[in-house]
Amino acid sequence: MMARCIQTDMECAAICYAAAELMSLGSDKAKEVCLICAEVCDKCAAECEKHDHHDHCRECAVACRKCAEECRAMAAA
């Protein structure tokens, strides 16, 4: 039942890590990856919101929405 949520969480963590790494390196691809990261974070938040009776899913959804917002801001800068 939680397999999709866990998979989405793991994908989100991976793309967030990649985006942070590229930004720290000053990569010319960082903005593009940040946009992808925002999409994945939104997907993760939506999935976690389905399980908001779990504290960790509720917290994850909030964090993912904030991350998506920050990624879009980074891409626009």
N, C-alpha and C. Protein backbone atom coordinates (compact mmCIF):
# COMPACT_ATOMS: atom_id res chain seq x y z
N MET A 1 0.81 -1.19 0.00
CA MET A 1 0.00 0.00 0.00
C MET A 1 0.86 1.27 0.00
N MET A 2 1.97 1.22 0.67
CA MET A 2 2.86 2.39 0.77
C MET A 2 4.01 2.32 -0.24
N ALA A 3 4.05 1.29 -1.07
CA ALA A 3 5.18 1.11 -1.98
C ALA A 3 5.35 2.30 -2.93
N ARG A 4 4.25 2.80 -3.47
CA ARG A 4 4.33 3.94 -4.39
C ARG A 4 4.84 5.18 -3.66
N CYS A 5 4.38 5.38 -2.44
CA CYS A 5 4.82 6.51 -1.63
C CYS A 5 6.33 6.43 -1.36
N ILE A 6 6.79 5.27 -0.98
CA ILE A 6 8.21 5.08 -0.68
C ILE A 6 9.05 5.29 -1.94
N GLN A 7 8.61 4.75 -3.07
CA GLN A 7 9.33 4.93 -4.33
C GLN A 7 9.42 6.42 -4.69
N THR A 8 8.30 7.12 -4.55
CA THR A 8 8.27 8.55 -4.87
C THR A 8 9.18 9.32 -3.93
N ASP A 9 9.18 8.97 -2.65
CA ASP A 9 10.07 9.62 -1.67
C ASP A 9 11.53 9.43 -2.07
N MET A 10 11.88 8.22 -2.48
CA MET A 10 13.27 7.94 -2.85
C MET A 10 13.67 8.71 -4.11
N GLU A 11 12.77 8.79 -5.08
CA GLU A 11 13.05 9.56 -6.29
C GLU A 11 13.22 11.03 -5.95
N CYS A 12 12.37 11.53 -5.08
CA CYS A 12 12.43 12.93 -4.67
C CYS A 12 13.77 13.22 -3.98
N ALA A 13 14.17 12.36 -3.08
CA ALA A 13 15.44 12.55 -2.39
C ALA A 13 16.60 12.57 -3.38
N ALA A 14 16.56 11.69 -4.35
CA ALA A 14 17.64 11.60 -5.34
C ALA A 14 17.73 12.87 -6.19
N ILE A 15 16.59 13.37 -6.66
CA ILE A 15 16.64 14.57 -7.51
C ILE A 15 16.97 15.81 -6.69
N CYS A 16 16.53 15.85 -5.43
CA CYS A 16 16.89 16.98 -4.57
C CYS A 16 18.40 17.01 -4.34
N TYR A 17 18.98 15.85 -4.12
CA TYR A 17 20.42 15.76 -3.93
C TYR A 17 21.15 16.22 -5.19
N ALA A 18 20.69 15.75 -6.34
CA ALA A 18 21.32 16.13 -7.61
C ALA A 18 21.21 17.63 -7.84
N ALA A 19 20.05 18.20 -7.58
CA ALA A 19 19.86 19.64 -7.77
C ALA A 19 20.80 20.43 -6.85
N ALA A 20 20.89 20.01 -5.60
CA ALA A 20 21.77 20.70 -4.65
C ALA A 20 23.24 20.60 -5.09
N GLU A 21 23.64 19.43 -5.54
CA GLU A 21 25.01 19.25 -6.01
C GLU A 21 25.32 20.15 -7.21
N LEU A 22 24.41 20.18 -8.18
CA LEU A 22 24.64 21.00 -9.37
C LEU A 22 24.67 22.48 -9.03
N MET A 23 23.80 22.91 -8.12
CA MET A 23 23.82 24.31 -7.70
C MET A 23 25.14 24.64 -7.01
N SER A 24 25.63 23.74 -6.16
CA SER A 24 26.88 24.00 -5.44
C SER A 24 28.07 24.04 -6.38
N LEU A 25 27.96 23.35 -7.50
CA LEU A 25 29.04 23.35 -8.50
C LEU A 25 28.93 24.52 -9.47
N GLY A 26 27.83 25.25 -9.40
CA GLY A 26 27.63 26.36 -10.34
C GLY A 26 27.34 25.87 -11.74
N SER A 27 26.73 24.72 -11.87
CA SER A 27 26.46 24.12 -13.17
C SER A 27 25.49 24.97 -13.99
N ASP A 28 25.73 25.01 -15.28
CA ASP A 28 24.81 25.73 -16.17
C ASP A 28 23.52 24.93 -16.39
N LYS A 29 23.43 23.72 -15.89
CA LYS A 29 22.23 22.88 -15.98
C LYS A 29 21.42 22.90 -14.68
N ALA A 30 21.88 23.61 -13.67
CA ALA A 30 21.21 23.60 -12.37
C ALA A 30 19.77 24.09 -12.46
N LYS A 31 19.53 25.14 -13.23
CA LYS A 31 18.16 25.67 -13.33
C LYS A 31 17.21 24.65 -13.96
N GLU A 32 17.67 23.96 -14.97
CA GLU A 32 16.84 22.94 -15.60
C GLU A 32 16.54 21.80 -14.63
N VAL A 33 17.53 21.38 -13.89
CA VAL A 33 17.34 20.31 -12.92
C VAL A 33 16.43 20.78 -11.78
N CYS A 34 16.53 22.04 -11.42
CA CYS A 34 15.64 22.58 -10.37
C CYS A 34 14.18 22.52 -10.82
N LEU A 35 13.92 22.76 -12.07
CA LEU A 35 12.54 22.67 -12.56
C LEU A 35 12.04 21.23 -12.51
N ILE A 36 12.89 20.29 -12.87
CA ILE A 36 12.53 18.88 -12.77
C ILE A 36 12.34 18.51 -11.30
N CYS A 37 13.20 19.00 -10.46
CA CYS A 37 13.11 18.73 -9.03
C CYS A 37 11.77 19.23 -8.48
N ALA A 38 11.35 20.41 -8.91
CA ALA A 38 10.06 20.95 -8.46
C ALA A 38 8.91 20.03 -8.85
N GLU A 39 8.96 19.50 -10.06
CA GLU A 39 7.92 18.58 -10.51
C GLU A 39 7.89 17.31 -9.67
N VAL A 40 9.06 16.77 -9.40
CA VAL A 40 9.15 15.54 -8.61
C VAL A 40 8.70 15.80 -7.17
N CYS A 41 9.08 16.96 -6.63
CA CYS A 41 8.65 17.31 -5.27
C CYS A 41 7.13 17.45 -5.20
N ASP A 42 6.53 18.06 -6.21
CA ASP A 42 5.07 18.17 -6.25
C ASP A 42 4.41 16.80 -6.29
N LYS A 43 4.98 15.91 -7.10
CA LYS A 43 4.46 14.55 -7.20
C LYS A 43 4.58 13.83 -5.85
N CYS A 44 5.70 14.01 -5.20
CA CYS A 44 5.92 13.38 -3.90
C CYS A 44 4.94 13.93 -2.87
N ALA A 45 4.77 15.23 -2.86
CA ALA A 45 3.82 15.84 -1.92
C ALA A 45 2.42 15.31 -2.13
N ALA A 46 2.00 15.21 -3.38
CA ALA A 46 0.66 14.71 -3.69
C ALA A 46 0.49 13.27 -3.21
N GLU A 47 1.52 12.47 -3.41
CA GLU A 47 1.45 11.08 -2.96
C GLU A 47 1.41 11.00 -1.43
N CYS A 48 2.25 11.77 -0.78
CA CYS A 48 2.28 11.74 0.69
C CYS A 48 0.98 12.28 1.29
N GLU A 49 0.37 13.22 0.63
CA GLU A 49 -0.90 13.77 1.13
C GLU A 49 -2.01 12.72 1.15
N LYS A 50 -1.86 11.68 0.35
CA LYS A 50 -2.83 10.57 0.38
C LYS A 50 -2.74 9.79 1.68
N HIS A 51 -1.62 9.93 2.37
CA HIS A 51 -1.36 9.16 3.60
C HIS A 51 -1.15 10.11 4.78
N ASP A 52 -1.87 11.22 4.78
CA ASP A 52 -1.61 12.24 5.80
C ASP A 52 -2.04 11.84 7.21
N HIS A 53 -2.58 10.65 7.36
CA HIS A 53 -2.85 10.13 8.70
C HIS A 53 -1.55 9.68 9.38
N HIS A 54 -0.47 9.57 8.59
CA HIS A 54 0.86 9.28 9.13
C HIS A 54 1.59 10.61 9.30
N ASP A 55 2.13 10.84 10.47
CA ASP A 55 2.85 12.10 10.73
C ASP A 55 3.98 12.33 9.73
N HIS A 56 4.76 11.28 9.47
CA HIS A 56 5.90 11.45 8.58
C HIS A 56 5.46 11.79 7.15
N CYS A 57 4.35 11.28 6.70
CA CYS A 57 3.85 11.62 5.36
C CYS A 57 3.36 13.07 5.32
N ARG A 58 2.69 13.48 6.37
CA ARG A 58 2.22 14.86 6.44
C ARG A 58 3.41 15.83 6.44
N GLU A 59 4.43 15.52 7.23
CA GLU A 59 5.64 16.35 7.28
C GLU A 59 6.37 16.35 5.94
N CYS A 60 6.43 15.21 5.31
CA CYS A 60 7.10 15.09 4.01
C CYS A 60 6.38 15.94 2.97
N ALA A 61 5.07 15.89 2.96
CA ALA A 61 4.29 16.67 1.99
C ALA A 61 4.56 18.16 2.15
N VAL A 62 4.60 18.64 3.38
CA VAL A 62 4.88 20.06 3.63
C VAL A 62 6.29 20.42 3.14
N ALA A 63 7.26 19.57 3.46
CA ALA A 63 8.64 19.82 3.04
C ALA A 63 8.77 19.80 1.52
N CYS A 64 8.08 18.88 0.88
CA CYS A 64 8.15 18.78 -0.58
C CYS A 64 7.52 20.00 -1.25
N ARG A 65 6.43 20.49 -0.71
CA ARG A 65 5.80 21.70 -1.28
C ARG A 65 6.75 22.90 -1.15
N LYS A 66 7.40 23.01 -0.01
CA LYS A 66 8.36 24.10 0.20
C LYS A 66 9.55 23.95 -0.74
N CYS A 67 10.05 22.74 -0.89
CA CYS A 67 11.18 22.50 -1.78
C CYS A 67 10.82 22.85 -3.22
N ALA A 68 9.63 22.46 -3.65
CA ALA A 68 9.19 22.77 -5.02
C ALA A 68 9.14 24.28 -5.24
N GLU A 69 8.65 24.99 -4.25
CA GLU A 69 8.58 26.45 -4.33
C GLU A 69 9.98 27.06 -4.45
N GLU A 70 10.90 26.57 -3.62
CA GLU A 70 12.28 27.07 -3.66
C GLU A 70 12.98 26.72 -4.97
N CYS A 71 12.72 25.53 -5.47
CA CYS A 71 13.33 25.12 -6.76
C CYS A 71 12.85 26.01 -7.90
N ARG A 72 11.57 26.33 -7.90
CA ARG A 72 11.05 27.22 -8.94
C ARG A 72 11.67 28.61 -8.83
N ALA A 73 11.86 29.06 -7.61
CA ALA A 73 12.51 30.37 -7.40
C ALA A 73 13.95 30.34 -7.90
N MET A 74 14.66 29.26 -7.63
CA MET A 74 16.05 29.13 -8.09
C MET A 74 16.10 29.12 -9.63
N ALA A 75 15.16 28.42 -10.24
CA ALA A 75 15.15 28.33 -11.70
C ALA A 75 14.82 29.66 -12.33
N ALA A 76 14.04 30.48 -11.65
CA ALA A 76 13.65 31.78 -12.19
C ALA A 76 14.74 32.84 -12.01
N ALA A 77 15.66 32.58 -11.08
CA ALA A 77 16.70 33.59 -10.77
C ALA A 77 17.73 33.71 -11.88
